[in-house]
Amino acid sequence: MAESNAIVVSNKLLGYRITDDLIELAIGGALDEVHTHILDRIFNQNKDVNGGGFGGYSESYAKYRKSLGLQSGTKDLQLSDRLRNSIYVDKEKRAIMLSNQTDMQLPARNSKLKSSNITQSAKARMNEKYLGQDIFSADKFEREVAIKVFKDIIFEKLNDSR
């Protein structure tokens, strides 16, 4: 009697059962790894999906950032850390998401910061539009990492079950 929730992969050398649980585990692992890479690219390397930087700040905004004790040389999208902290993995949706929480709902690293009712996902899209760059998608390397991690988890678990 065959189980309906299994995909059977077989050839002359293999006879493995890949279950839904194993697929979910591999997708979750791939999402976690890509999430880490996206956060690093955006908030540590300050790069968009094509490797471009975000440019510099206007003189008045650079002055405002300095008054908060922040660097003002190049745009880093890290005024409050709210945007960084709003990017999360939703395993149920199988996606990396931007939160729909507003500033009022999220803590900031500096109490001097003004809060708004704009959601973090809207802020992310406004940054992309203003800068004319795709920032919050996965880049080519990150997509390749997702595929590699997915495959690695599948093959590791299949080899462990032998």
Foldseek 3Di string as FASTA:
>chain_A
DDDPQWDFDDDPPDTFTQGPVLLLVLLVQLQVVLLVVLLCCQQVVQAALVRDHQAFDDPVVLVVQVVQVHHGGGDRVPSFCLLSVQFAQDSVVSDTDGDQAFQVVDHGPGPPDDTDRGGSVVVQVVSCVVSVGHHRDGHPVSVVSSVVSSVVSSVVVRVVVD
